[in-house]
């Protein structure tokens, strides 16, 4: 399964109690489909008494199972705390978007969105040249009109 497909089959669970572990999270979400992986990120703070960071991910075998998991478990109580369950978002690439060390116009995503073909450049230059040639007064030819509004035919 590709990384993109894996993220489409994964739910994010926030607000986990400190007593929740991988096994208990797997057991809570097992009724909604076959589970491929469960992860609860460890707490990086050295002085913290919390065993994890308070959130986790459950990856299902079938991407359609996440709908049932979200519908049934969002705002549910797990180990005395109300949890938030939503579709997981893929992690941001540190080399993309604002805040990266690469200029925005040099990033592949921006280039793919804003690339202009040579044909479009030529067509735009022709249109610009055509408008510059028409430097005549737009009010020319209106001298004979004595009534405002569209011409009567």
C-alpha atoms as a PDB file:
ATOM      1  CA  UNK A   1       0.000   0.000   0.000  1.00  0.00           C
ATOM      2  CA  UNK A   2       1.375   3.438  -0.902  1.00  0.00           C
ATOM      3  CA  UNK A   3       1.909   6.091   1.754  1.00  0.00           C
ATOM      4  CA  UNK A   4      -0.978   8.154   0.351  1.00  0.00           C
ATOM      5  CA  UNK A   5      -3.321   5.147   0.472  1.00  0.00           C
ATOM      6  CA  UNK A   6      -2.189   4.353   4.023  1.00  0.00           C
ATOM      7  CA  UNK A   7      -3.095   7.845   5.223  1.00  0.00           C
ATOM      8  CA  UNK A   8      -6.552   7.508   3.639  1.00  0.00           C
ATOM      9  CA  UNK A   9      -7.113   4.377   5.760  1.00  0.00           C
ATOM     10  CA  UNK A  10      -5.914   5.963   9.028  1.00  0.00           C
ATOM     11  CA  UNK A  11      -7.818   7.763  11.786  1.00  0.00           C
ATOM     12  CA  UNK A  12      -6.388  10.232  14.272  1.00  0.00           C
ATOM     13  CA  UNK A  13      -7.482   9.853  17.896  1.00  0.00           C
ATOM     14  CA  UNK A  14      -6.909  12.837  20.171  1.00  0.00           C
ATOM     15  CA  UNK A  15      -7.481  13.348  23.875  1.00  0.00           C
ATOM     16  CA  UNK A  16      -6.237   9.944  25.013  1.00  0.00           C
ATOM     17  CA  UNK A  17      -5.992   9.237  28.730  1.00  0.00           C
ATOM     18  CA  UNK A  18      -2.498   8.416  30.066  1.00  0.00           C
ATOM     19  CA  UNK A  19      -3.626   4.851  30.822  1.00  0.00           C
ATOM     20  CA  UNK A  20      -4.435   4.094  27.163  1.00  0.00           C
ATOM     21  CA  UNK A  21      -1.909   1.817  25.453  1.00  0.00           C
ATOM     22  CA  UNK A  22      -1.613   0.283  21.974  1.00  0.00           C
ATOM     23  CA  UNK A  23      -3.516  -2.851  22.974  1.00  0.00           C
ATOM     24  CA  UNK A  24      -6.459  -0.981  24.514  1.00  0.00           C
ATOM     25  CA  UNK A  25      -6.684   1.367  21.518  1.00  0.00           C
ATOM     26  CA  UNK A  26      -6.657  -1.595  19.129  1.00  0.00           C
ATOM     27  CA  UNK A  27      -9.416  -3.313  21.123  1.00  0.00           C
ATOM     28  CA  UNK A  28     -11.541  -0.140  21.071  1.00  0.00           C
ATOM     29  CA  UNK A  29     -11.367   0.196  17.277  1.00  0.00           C
ATOM     30  CA  UNK A  30     -11.437  -3.505  16.314  1.00  0.00           C
ATOM     31  CA  UNK A  31     -15.258  -3.597  15.855  1.00  0.00           C
ATOM     32  CA  UNK A  32     -14.974  -1.243  12.861  1.00  0.00           C
ATOM     33  CA  UNK A  33     -12.712  -3.378  10.668  1.00  0.00           C
ATOM     34  CA  UNK A  34      -9.402  -5.178  10.293  1.00  0.00           C
ATOM     35  CA  UNK A  35      -6.598  -3.101  11.791  1.00  0.00           C
ATOM     36  CA  UNK A  36      -3.227  -2.917  10.029  1.00  0.00           C
ATOM     37  CA  UNK A  37      -1.343  -0.808  12.595  1.00  0.00           C
ATOM     38  CA  UNK A  38      -1.810   1.144  15.832  1.00  0.00           C
ATOM     39  CA  UNK A  39       0.656   3.765  17.009  1.00  0.00           C
ATOM     40  CA  UNK A  40       0.756   6.105  19.987  1.00  0.00           C
ATOM     41  CA  UNK A  41       3.701   8.539  19.823  1.00  0.00           C
ATOM     42  CA  UNK A  42       5.856   8.519  22.960  1.00  0.00           C
ATOM     43  CA  UNK A  43       6.338  11.661  25.014  1.00  0.00           C
ATOM     44  CA  UNK A  44       9.632  13.380  24.133  1.00  0.00           C
ATOM     45  CA  UNK A  45       9.777  15.555  27.240  1.00  0.00           C
ATOM     46  CA  UNK A  46      12.333  14.038  29.657  1.00  0.00           C
ATOM     47  CA  UNK A  47      10.623  15.284  32.863  1.00  0.00           C
ATOM     48  CA  UNK A  48       7.082  14.329  31.885  1.00  0.00           C
ATOM     49  CA  UNK A  49       5.221  11.647  33.806  1.00  0.00           C
ATOM     50  CA  UNK A  50       2.906  11.028  30.839  1.00  0.00           C
ATOM     51  CA  UNK A  51       3.695   7.794  28.919  1.00  0.00           C
ATOM     52  CA  UNK A  52       2.558   9.254  25.569  1.00  0.00           C
ATOM     53  CA  UNK A  53       1.639  12.547  23.917  1.00  0.00           C
ATOM     54  CA  UNK A  54      -2.152  12.140  24.239  1.00  0.00           C
ATOM     55  CA  UNK A  55      -2.963  11.104  20.683  1.00  0.00           C
ATOM     56  CA  UNK A  56      -2.610   8.098  18.419  1.00  0.00           C
ATOM     57  CA  UNK A  57      -3.296   6.637  15.001  1.00  0.00           C
ATOM     58  CA  UNK A  58      -5.198   3.539  13.917  1.00  0.00           C
ATOM     59  CA  UNK A  59      -4.627   2.303  10.372  1.00  0.00           C
ATOM     60  CA  UNK A  60      -7.307   0.045   8.910  1.00  0.00           C
ATOM     61  CA  UNK A  61      -6.876  -2.524   6.135  1.00  0.00           C
ATOM     62  CA  UNK A  62      -9.861  -1.056   4.247  1.00  0.00           C
ATOM     63  CA  UNK A  63     -10.079   2.750   3.822  1.00  0.00           C
ATOM     64  CA  UNK A  64     -13.884   2.590   4.033  1.00  0.00           C
ATOM     65  CA  UNK A  65     -13.690   1.396   7.652  1.00  0.00           C
ATOM     66  CA  UNK A  66     -12.583   4.820   8.876  1.00  0.00           C
ATOM     67  CA  UNK A  67     -16.056   6.271   8.239  1.00  0.00           C
ATOM     68  CA  UNK A  68     -17.642   3.843  10.722  1.00  0.00           C
ATOM     69  CA  UNK A  69     -14.853   4.431  13.242  1.00  0.00           C
ATOM     70  CA  UNK A  70     -15.270   8.210  13.056  1.00  0.00           C
ATOM     71  CA  UNK A  71     -19.080   8.069  13.190  1.00  0.00           C
ATOM     72  CA  UNK A  72     -19.115   5.797  16.231  1.00  0.00           C
ATOM     73  CA  UNK A  73     -16.070   6.899  18.234  1.00  0.00           C
ATOM     74  CA  UNK A  74     -15.854  10.688  17.763  1.00  0.00           C
ATOM     75  CA  UNK A  75     -16.788  12.365  21.082  1.00  0.00           C
ATOM     76  CA  UNK A  76     -16.997   8.939  22.772  1.00  0.00           C
ATOM     77  CA  UNK A  77     -15.530   8.281  26.204  1.00  0.00           C
ATOM     78  CA  UNK A  78     -12.447   6.084  26.499  1.00  0.00           C
ATOM     79  CA  UNK A  79     -10.859   5.473  29.911  1.00  0.00           C
ATOM     80  CA  UNK A  80     -12.746   8.429  31.388  1.00  0.00           C
ATOM     81  CA  UNK A  81     -11.795  10.993  28.730  1.00  0.00           C
ATOM     82  CA  UNK A  82     -13.768  12.189  25.704  1.00  0.00           C
ATOM     83  CA  UNK A  83     -11.774  11.446  22.553  1.00  0.00           C
ATOM     84  CA  UNK A  84     -11.737  13.220  19.203  1.00  0.00           C
ATOM     85  CA  UNK A  85     -11.613  10.924  16.169  1.00  0.00           C
ATOM     86  CA  UNK A  86     -11.063  12.233  12.636  1.00  0.00           C
ATOM     87  CA  UNK A  87      -9.436  11.244   9.363  1.00  0.00           C
ATOM     88  CA  UNK A  88      -5.652  11.464   9.676  1.00  0.00           C
ATOM     89  CA  UNK A  89      -3.780  14.025   7.605  1.00  0.00           C
ATOM     90  CA  UNK A  90      -0.420  13.152   6.052  1.00  0.00           C
ATOM     91  CA  UNK A  91       2.546  14.881   7.685  1.00  0.00           C
ATOM     92  CA  UNK A  92       3.726  18.079   6.063  1.00  0.00           C
ATOM     93  CA  UNK A  93       6.900  17.986   4.037  1.00  0.00           C
ATOM     94  CA  UNK A  94       9.473  20.290   5.661  1.00  0.00           C
ATOM     95  CA  UNK A  95      10.710  21.289   2.210  1.00  0.00           C
ATOM     96  CA  UNK A  96       7.290  22.438   0.991  1.00  0.00           C
ATOM     97  CA  UNK A  97       5.153  25.471   1.741  1.00  0.00           C
ATOM     98  CA  UNK A  98       5.787  28.493   3.882  1.00  0.00           C
ATOM     99  CA  UNK A  99       8.497  28.098   6.477  1.00  0.00           C
ATOM    100  CA  UNK A 100      10.754  25.886   4.382  1.00  0.00           C
ATOM    101  CA  UNK A 101      14.293  26.835   3.483  1.00  0.00           C
ATOM    102  CA  UNK A 102      13.515  26.584  -0.235  1.00  0.00           C
ATOM    103  CA  UNK A 103      12.062  29.578  -2.058  1.00  0.00           C
ATOM    104  CA  UNK A 104       8.349  29.168  -2.756  1.00  0.00           C
ATOM    105  CA  UNK A 105       8.772  29.502  -6.541  1.00  0.00           C
ATOM    106  CA  UNK A 106      11.402  26.741  -6.557  1.00  0.00           C
ATOM    107  CA  UNK A 107       9.186  24.163  -4.852  1.00  0.00           C
ATOM    108  CA  UNK A 108       7.720  21.420  -7.018  1.00  0.00           C
ATOM    109  CA  UNK A 109       4.176  21.881  -5.746  1.00  0.00           C
ATOM    110  CA  UNK A 110       4.182  25.589  -6.572  1.00  0.00           C
ATOM    111  CA  UNK A 111       5.756  24.971  -9.964  1.00  0.00           C
ATOM    112  CA  UNK A 112       3.153  22.341 -10.848  1.00  0.00           C
ATOM    113  CA  UNK A 113       0.347  24.747  -9.940  1.00  0.00           C
ATOM    114  CA  UNK A 114       1.758  27.866 -11.560  1.00  0.00           C
ATOM    115  CA  UNK A 115       3.725  26.590 -14.550  1.00  0.00           C
ATOM    116  CA  UNK A 116       2.931  28.376 -17.814  1.00  0.00           C
ATOM    117  CA  UNK A 117       3.554  26.743 -21.169  1.00  0.00           C
ATOM    118  CA  UNK A 118       5.400  28.501 -24.004  1.00  0.00           C
ATOM    119  CA  UNK A 119       2.193  28.544 -26.088  1.00  0.00           C
ATOM    120  CA  UNK A 120       0.392  30.442 -23.330  1.00  0.00           C
ATOM    121  CA  UNK A 121       3.253  32.932 -23.029  1.00  0.00           C
ATOM    122  CA  UNK A 122       3.180  33.603 -26.808  1.00  0.00           C
ATOM    123  CA  UNK A 123      -0.616  33.971 -26.802  1.00  0.00           C
ATOM    124  CA  UNK A 124      -0.462  36.422 -23.879  1.00  0.00           C
ATOM    125  CA  UNK A 125       2.221  38.479 -25.646  1.00  0.00           C
ATOM    126  CA  UNK A 126       0.108  38.646 -28.837  1.00  0.00           C
ATOM    127  CA  UNK A 127      -2.938  39.790 -26.846  1.00  0.00           C
ATOM    128  CA  UNK A 128      -0.873  42.436 -25.058  1.00  0.00           C
ATOM    129  CA  UNK A 129       0.530  43.705 -28.374  1.00  0.00           C
ATOM    130  CA  UNK A 130      -2.964  43.833 -29.928  1.00  0.00           C
ATOM    131  CA  UNK A 131      -4.313  45.970 -27.083  1.00  0.00           C
ATOM    132  CA  UNK A 132      -1.346  48.339 -27.332  1.00  0.00           C
ATOM    133  CA  UNK A 133      -2.015  48.870 -31.057  1.00  0.00           C
ATOM    134  CA  UNK A 134      -5.561  50.023 -30.310  1.00  0.00           C
ATOM    135  CA  UNK A 135      -4.605  53.369 -28.850  1.00  0.00           C
ATOM    136  CA  UNK A 136      -7.526  55.194 -30.469  1.00  0.00           C
ATOM    137  CA  UNK A 137     -10.110  56.977 -28.412  1.00  0.00           C
ATOM    138  CA  UNK A 138     -13.009  54.686 -27.437  1.00  0.00           C
ATOM    139  CA  UNK A 139     -15.349  57.669 -27.703  1.00  0.00           C
ATOM    140  CA  UNK A 140     -14.660  58.082 -31.438  1.00  0.00           C
ATOM    141  CA  UNK A 141     -17.705  57.575 -33.633  1.00  0.00           C
ATOM    142  CA  UNK A 142     -20.238  58.635 -31.019  1.00  0.00           C
ATOM    143  CA  UNK A 143     -20.614  62.226 -32.295  1.00  0.00           C
ATOM    144  CA  UNK A 144     -23.833  61.523 -34.233  1.00  0.00           C
ATOM    145  CA  UNK A 145     -25.702  60.069 -31.291  1.00  0.00           C
ATOM    146  CA  UNK A 146     -28.249  62.365 -29.718  1.00  0.00           C
ATOM    147  CA  UNK A 147     -29.820  59.831 -27.332  1.00  0.00           C
ATOM    148  CA  UNK A 148     -28.052  57.967 -24.559  1.00  0.00           C
ATOM    149  CA  UNK A 149     -28.264  54.192 -24.524  1.00  0.00           C
ATOM    150  CA  UNK A 150     -27.962  51.468 -27.110  1.00  0.00           C
ATOM    151  CA  UNK A 151     -28.339  52.255 -30.801  1.00  0.00           C
ATOM    152  CA  UNK A 152     -31.774  51.923 -32.282  1.00  0.00           C
ATOM    153  CA  UNK A 153     -31.845  49.539 -35.208  1.00  0.00           C
END
